């Protein structure tokens, strides 16, 4: 697996954060970045890290609504999901389908 891009959304993409922690994700920036990588980048999966289940579900919904990502597999991955739902994030999509996994840092230790 090749890492195409790794972006951590911190102070530059946050609004109103304190103590160096983002208070709010810039959803437009995030969705446009993923959309750009999916349409202009090399083939392969895209991994997005967010802080919690609510943010992950919101991101998945936003990505699924983008016309250019309509055929992509957008998969959430966090500890609140059942083991079966978590395994879906590791399934390989049929070529040339793009997979986007939106996860907490649980994916870093899996």
N, C-alpha and C. Protein backbone atom coordinates (compact mmCIF):
# COMPACT_ATOMS: atom_id res chain seq x y z
N UNK A 1 0.84 -1.17 0.00
CA UNK A 1 0.00 0.00 0.00
C UNK A 1 0.89 1.24 0.00
N UNK A 2 0.62 2.14 -0.90
CA UNK A 2 1.40 3.36 -1.01
C UNK A 2 0.61 4.53 -0.42
N UNK A 3 1.24 5.33 0.38
CA UNK A 3 0.60 6.52 0.95
C UNK A 3 0.78 7.65 -0.05
N UNK A 4 -0.34 8.18 -0.56
CA UNK A 4 -0.29 9.27 -1.53
C UNK A 4 -0.20 10.62 -0.85
N UNK A 5 -0.97 10.80 0.19
CA UNK A 5 -0.98 12.08 0.90
C UNK A 5 -1.44 11.85 2.32
N UNK A 6 -0.82 12.54 3.23
CA UNK A 6 -1.27 12.49 4.62
C UNK A 6 -1.45 13.92 5.07
N UNK A 7 -2.64 14.24 5.50
CA UNK A 7 -2.94 15.59 5.95
C UNK A 7 -3.55 15.51 7.32
N UNK A 8 -3.01 16.24 8.23
CA UNK A 8 -3.58 16.33 9.57
C UNK A 8 -4.24 17.70 9.67
N UNK A 9 -5.52 17.70 9.98
CA UNK A 9 -6.26 18.95 10.09
C UNK A 9 -6.09 19.49 11.49
N UNK A 10 -5.31 20.54 11.61
CA UNK A 10 -5.02 21.16 12.89
C UNK A 10 -5.44 22.62 12.88
N UNK A 11 -4.59 23.44 13.42
CA UNK A 11 -4.93 24.86 13.59
C UNK A 11 -5.31 25.53 12.28
N UNK A 12 -4.64 25.19 11.17
CA UNK A 12 -4.91 25.85 9.90
C UNK A 12 -6.29 25.55 9.34
N UNK A 13 -6.84 24.41 9.66
CA UNK A 13 -8.15 24.04 9.13
C UNK A 13 -9.24 24.16 10.18
N UNK A 14 -8.88 24.58 11.36
CA UNK A 14 -9.86 24.66 12.44
C UNK A 14 -10.36 26.08 12.62
N UNK A 15 -11.51 26.18 13.22
CA UNK A 15 -12.10 27.48 13.53
C UNK A 15 -12.33 27.54 15.03
N UNK A 16 -11.76 28.54 15.68
CA UNK A 16 -12.04 28.76 17.08
C UNK A 16 -11.40 27.77 18.03
N UNK A 17 -10.31 27.11 17.65
CA UNK A 17 -9.69 26.13 18.53
C UNK A 17 -8.94 26.77 19.68
N UNK A 18 -8.80 26.03 20.79
CA UNK A 18 -8.04 26.48 21.96
C UNK A 18 -7.00 25.42 22.27
N UNK A 19 -5.92 25.85 22.84
CA UNK A 19 -4.85 24.92 23.27
C UNK A 19 -4.33 24.07 22.12
N UNK A 20 -4.33 24.62 20.90
CA UNK A 20 -3.82 23.89 19.76
C UNK A 20 -4.73 22.80 19.22
N UNK A 21 -5.91 22.64 19.80
CA UNK A 21 -6.84 21.60 19.36
C UNK A 21 -7.93 22.24 18.51
N UNK A 22 -8.27 21.64 17.37
CA UNK A 22 -9.31 22.21 16.52
C UNK A 22 -10.68 22.11 17.19
N UNK A 23 -11.46 23.18 17.06
CA UNK A 23 -12.82 23.18 17.59
C UNK A 23 -13.80 22.70 16.54
N UNK A 24 -13.46 22.88 15.29
CA UNK A 24 -14.38 22.54 14.21
C UNK A 24 -13.59 22.19 12.96
N UNK A 25 -14.01 21.16 12.28
CA UNK A 25 -13.36 20.75 11.03
C UNK A 25 -13.88 21.63 9.90
N UNK A 26 -13.02 22.02 9.02
CA UNK A 26 -13.42 22.76 7.82
C UNK A 26 -13.89 21.71 6.81
N UNK A 27 -15.18 21.45 6.81
CA UNK A 27 -15.75 20.36 5.99
C UNK A 27 -15.58 20.60 4.50
N UNK A 28 -15.69 21.85 4.07
CA UNK A 28 -15.51 22.14 2.64
C UNK A 28 -14.10 21.80 2.21
N UNK A 29 -13.12 22.22 3.01
CA UNK A 29 -11.73 21.90 2.69
C UNK A 29 -11.50 20.40 2.66
N UNK A 30 -11.98 19.72 3.67
CA UNK A 30 -11.79 18.27 3.75
C UNK A 30 -12.42 17.54 2.57
N UNK A 31 -13.66 17.84 2.25
CA UNK A 31 -14.31 17.15 1.13
C UNK A 31 -13.65 17.48 -0.20
N UNK A 32 -13.24 18.73 -0.38
CA UNK A 32 -12.57 19.09 -1.64
C UNK A 32 -11.21 18.41 -1.76
N UNK A 33 -10.49 18.30 -0.65
CA UNK A 33 -9.20 17.62 -0.68
C UNK A 33 -9.35 16.15 -1.05
N UNK A 34 -10.28 15.46 -0.41
CA UNK A 34 -10.51 14.05 -0.73
C UNK A 34 -10.98 13.89 -2.17
N UNK A 35 -11.87 14.76 -2.59
CA UNK A 35 -12.36 14.71 -3.97
C UNK A 35 -11.21 14.91 -4.96
N UNK A 36 -10.32 15.84 -4.67
CA UNK A 36 -9.18 16.09 -5.56
C UNK A 36 -8.25 14.88 -5.63
N UNK A 37 -7.94 14.31 -4.47
CA UNK A 37 -7.06 13.13 -4.46
C UNK A 37 -7.73 11.98 -5.20
N UNK A 38 -9.03 11.80 -5.01
CA UNK A 38 -9.74 10.69 -5.64
C UNK A 38 -9.80 10.83 -7.16
N UNK A 39 -9.91 12.05 -7.64
CA UNK A 39 -10.07 12.24 -9.08
C UNK A 39 -8.77 12.52 -9.81
N UNK A 40 -7.78 13.10 -9.12
CA UNK A 40 -6.53 13.48 -9.79
C UNK A 40 -5.33 12.67 -9.33
N UNK A 41 -5.47 11.96 -8.22
CA UNK A 41 -4.34 11.22 -7.67
C UNK A 41 -4.18 9.85 -8.29
N UNK A 42 -3.13 9.17 -7.84
CA UNK A 42 -2.88 7.81 -8.29
C UNK A 42 -3.95 6.88 -7.71
N UNK A 43 -4.14 5.72 -8.32
CA UNK A 43 -5.12 4.76 -7.79
C UNK A 43 -4.74 4.30 -6.38
N UNK A 44 -5.72 3.91 -5.63
CA UNK A 44 -5.48 3.39 -4.29
C UNK A 44 -6.49 3.95 -3.31
N UNK A 45 -6.42 3.46 -2.09
CA UNK A 45 -7.35 3.89 -1.05
C UNK A 45 -6.90 5.21 -0.45
N UNK A 46 -7.86 5.92 0.11
CA UNK A 46 -7.61 7.19 0.81
C UNK A 46 -8.02 6.98 2.25
N UNK A 47 -7.16 7.38 3.18
CA UNK A 47 -7.44 7.25 4.60
C UNK A 47 -7.52 8.63 5.22
N UNK A 48 -8.64 8.92 5.87
CA UNK A 48 -8.87 10.20 6.52
C UNK A 48 -9.01 9.95 8.01
N UNK A 49 -8.24 10.66 8.83
CA UNK A 49 -8.34 10.53 10.28
C UNK A 49 -9.15 11.70 10.85
N UNK A 50 -10.12 11.37 11.68
CA UNK A 50 -10.89 12.38 12.41
C UNK A 50 -10.97 11.96 13.87
N UNK A 51 -11.48 12.84 14.72
CA UNK A 51 -11.39 12.60 16.16
C UNK A 51 -12.48 11.71 16.76
N UNK A 52 -13.64 11.59 16.14
CA UNK A 52 -14.70 10.81 16.77
C UNK A 52 -15.75 10.33 15.80
N UNK A 53 -16.64 9.49 16.31
CA UNK A 53 -17.67 8.85 15.48
C UNK A 53 -18.59 9.86 14.82
N UNK A 54 -18.98 10.92 15.53
CA UNK A 54 -19.89 11.92 14.95
C UNK A 54 -19.24 12.60 13.75
N UNK A 55 -17.97 12.98 13.89
CA UNK A 55 -17.26 13.62 12.78
C UNK A 55 -17.08 12.66 11.61
N UNK A 56 -16.81 11.41 11.93
CA UNK A 56 -16.63 10.39 10.89
C UNK A 56 -17.92 10.21 10.10
N UNK A 57 -19.04 10.07 10.77
CA UNK A 57 -20.32 9.89 10.08
C UNK A 57 -20.67 11.12 9.23
N UNK A 58 -20.39 12.31 9.77
CA UNK A 58 -20.66 13.53 9.01
C UNK A 58 -19.79 13.59 7.76
N UNK A 59 -18.53 13.23 7.91
CA UNK A 59 -17.62 13.23 6.77
C UNK A 59 -18.06 12.22 5.72
N UNK A 60 -18.42 11.02 6.15
CA UNK A 60 -18.87 9.99 5.21
C UNK A 60 -20.09 10.47 4.43
N UNK A 61 -21.03 11.09 5.11
CA UNK A 61 -22.22 11.62 4.44
C UNK A 61 -21.84 12.69 3.43
N UNK A 62 -20.95 13.59 3.82
CA UNK A 62 -20.53 14.66 2.91
C UNK A 62 -19.84 14.08 1.68
N UNK A 63 -18.97 13.09 1.88
CA UNK A 63 -18.26 12.50 0.74
C UNK A 63 -19.20 11.73 -0.17
N UNK A 64 -20.15 11.00 0.41
CA UNK A 64 -21.11 10.24 -0.41
C UNK A 64 -21.99 11.15 -1.24
N UNK A 65 -22.18 12.40 -0.81
CA UNK A 65 -23.04 13.33 -1.54
C UNK A 65 -22.33 14.01 -2.71
N UNK A 66 -21.02 13.87 -2.80
CA UNK A 66 -20.25 14.51 -3.89
C UNK A 66 -20.44 13.70 -5.17
N UNK A 67 -20.90 14.36 -6.25
CA UNK A 67 -21.12 13.63 -7.51
C UNK A 67 -19.87 12.91 -8.03
N UNK A 68 -18.70 13.49 -7.86
CA UNK A 68 -17.49 12.85 -8.39
C UNK A 68 -17.07 11.63 -7.57
N UNK A 69 -17.65 11.45 -6.37
CA UNK A 69 -17.33 10.30 -5.53
C UNK A 69 -18.48 9.31 -5.46
N UNK A 70 -19.46 9.47 -6.31
CA UNK A 70 -20.66 8.65 -6.25
C UNK A 70 -20.36 7.15 -6.32
N UNK A 71 -19.38 6.73 -7.09
CA UNK A 71 -19.07 5.31 -7.21
C UNK A 71 -18.06 4.80 -6.19
N UNK A 72 -17.54 5.70 -5.37
CA UNK A 72 -16.50 5.31 -4.40
C UNK A 72 -17.11 4.54 -3.24
N UNK A 73 -16.30 3.69 -2.64
CA UNK A 73 -16.68 3.03 -1.39
C UNK A 73 -16.21 3.94 -0.26
N UNK A 74 -17.13 4.54 0.45
CA UNK A 74 -16.80 5.38 1.60
C UNK A 74 -17.14 4.57 2.83
N UNK A 75 -16.12 4.26 3.65
CA UNK A 75 -16.29 3.36 4.79
C UNK A 75 -15.88 4.04 6.09
N UNK A 76 -16.77 4.06 7.08
CA UNK A 76 -16.38 4.55 8.40
C UNK A 76 -15.60 3.47 9.15
N UNK A 77 -14.76 3.90 10.10
CA UNK A 77 -14.04 2.95 10.94
C UNK A 77 -13.78 3.61 12.29
N UNK A 78 -14.49 3.10 13.32
CA UNK A 78 -14.29 3.60 14.69
C UNK A 78 -14.76 2.54 15.67
N UNK A 79 -14.43 2.71 16.92
CA UNK A 79 -14.69 1.71 17.94
C UNK A 79 -16.15 1.46 18.25
N UNK A 80 -17.05 2.37 17.89
CA UNK A 80 -18.48 2.17 18.16
C UNK A 80 -19.15 1.23 17.17
N UNK A 81 -18.47 0.92 16.08
CA UNK A 81 -19.04 0.02 15.08
C UNK A 81 -18.88 -1.43 15.53
N UNK A 82 -19.77 -2.28 15.06
CA UNK A 82 -19.65 -3.71 15.35
C UNK A 82 -18.41 -4.26 14.63
N UNK A 83 -17.88 -5.39 15.07
CA UNK A 83 -16.73 -5.99 14.37
C UNK A 83 -17.01 -6.22 12.88
N UNK A 84 -18.23 -6.63 12.55
CA UNK A 84 -18.57 -6.85 11.14
C UNK A 84 -18.51 -5.55 10.34
N UNK A 85 -19.02 -4.47 10.95
CA UNK A 85 -18.97 -3.17 10.27
C UNK A 85 -17.53 -2.67 10.14
N UNK A 86 -16.71 -2.93 11.15
CA UNK A 86 -15.31 -2.53 11.07
C UNK A 86 -14.57 -3.29 9.97
N UNK A 87 -14.88 -4.57 9.81
CA UNK A 87 -14.22 -5.38 8.76
C UNK A 87 -14.53 -4.85 7.36
N UNK A 88 -15.69 -4.23 7.18
CA UNK A 88 -16.04 -3.68 5.86
C UNK A 88 -15.01 -2.66 5.38
N UNK A 89 -14.38 -1.95 6.32
CA UNK A 89 -13.38 -0.95 5.94
C UNK A 89 -12.13 -1.59 5.33
N UNK A 90 -11.92 -2.88 5.59
CA UNK A 90 -10.72 -3.57 5.09
C UNK A 90 -10.98 -4.38 3.83
N UNK A 91 -12.23 -4.42 3.37
CA UNK A 91 -12.55 -5.14 2.13
C UNK A 91 -11.95 -4.41 0.94
N UNK A 92 -11.55 -5.17 -0.05
CA UNK A 92 -11.02 -4.58 -1.29
C UNK A 92 -12.15 -4.35 -2.27
N UNK A 93 -12.27 -3.13 -2.79
CA UNK A 93 -13.31 -2.86 -3.77
C UNK A 93 -12.91 -3.42 -5.14
N UNK A 94 -13.88 -3.66 -5.99
CA UNK A 94 -13.53 -4.11 -7.35
C UNK A 94 -12.86 -2.97 -8.13
N UNK A 95 -11.86 -3.29 -8.94
CA UNK A 95 -11.21 -2.24 -9.74
C UNK A 95 -12.22 -1.63 -10.72
N UNK A 96 -12.19 -0.40 -11.01
CA UNK A 96 -11.28 0.65 -10.54
C UNK A 96 -11.90 1.49 -9.42
N UNK A 97 -12.74 0.89 -8.60
CA UNK A 97 -13.44 1.61 -7.54
C UNK A 97 -12.46 2.18 -6.52
N UNK A 98 -12.66 3.43 -6.18
CA UNK A 98 -11.83 4.11 -5.16
C UNK A 98 -12.45 3.85 -3.78
N UNK A 99 -11.62 3.54 -2.79
CA UNK A 99 -12.09 3.35 -1.43
C UNK A 99 -11.58 4.50 -0.57
N UNK A 100 -12.49 5.07 0.24
CA UNK A 100 -12.14 6.12 1.19
C UNK A 100 -12.53 5.61 2.57
N UNK A 101 -11.55 5.46 3.47
CA UNK A 101 -11.82 5.03 4.83
C UNK A 101 -11.68 6.26 5.72
N UNK A 102 -12.73 6.55 6.48
CA UNK A 102 -12.75 7.69 7.39
C UNK A 102 -12.72 7.10 8.80
N UNK A 103 -11.65 7.38 9.54
CA UNK A 103 -11.37 6.64 10.75
C UNK A 103 -10.87 7.50 11.90
N UNK A 104 -11.01 6.95 13.11
CA UNK A 104 -10.26 7.47 14.25
C UNK A 104 -8.90 6.81 14.20
N UNK A 105 -8.05 7.07 15.17
CA UNK A 105 -6.72 6.49 15.13
C UNK A 105 -6.72 4.98 15.40
N UNK A 106 -7.90 4.34 15.52
CA UNK A 106 -7.95 2.89 15.64
C UNK A 106 -7.29 2.23 14.42
N UNK A 107 -7.35 2.89 13.27
CA UNK A 107 -6.75 2.33 12.05
C UNK A 107 -5.24 2.32 12.13
N UNK A 108 -4.64 3.20 12.93
CA UNK A 108 -3.19 3.23 13.04
C UNK A 108 -2.64 2.01 13.76
N UNK A 109 -3.45 1.36 14.58
CA UNK A 109 -2.99 0.20 15.35
C UNK A 109 -3.54 -1.11 14.82
N UNK A 110 -4.30 -1.07 13.74
CA UNK A 110 -4.91 -2.30 13.19
C UNK A 110 -3.99 -2.95 12.19
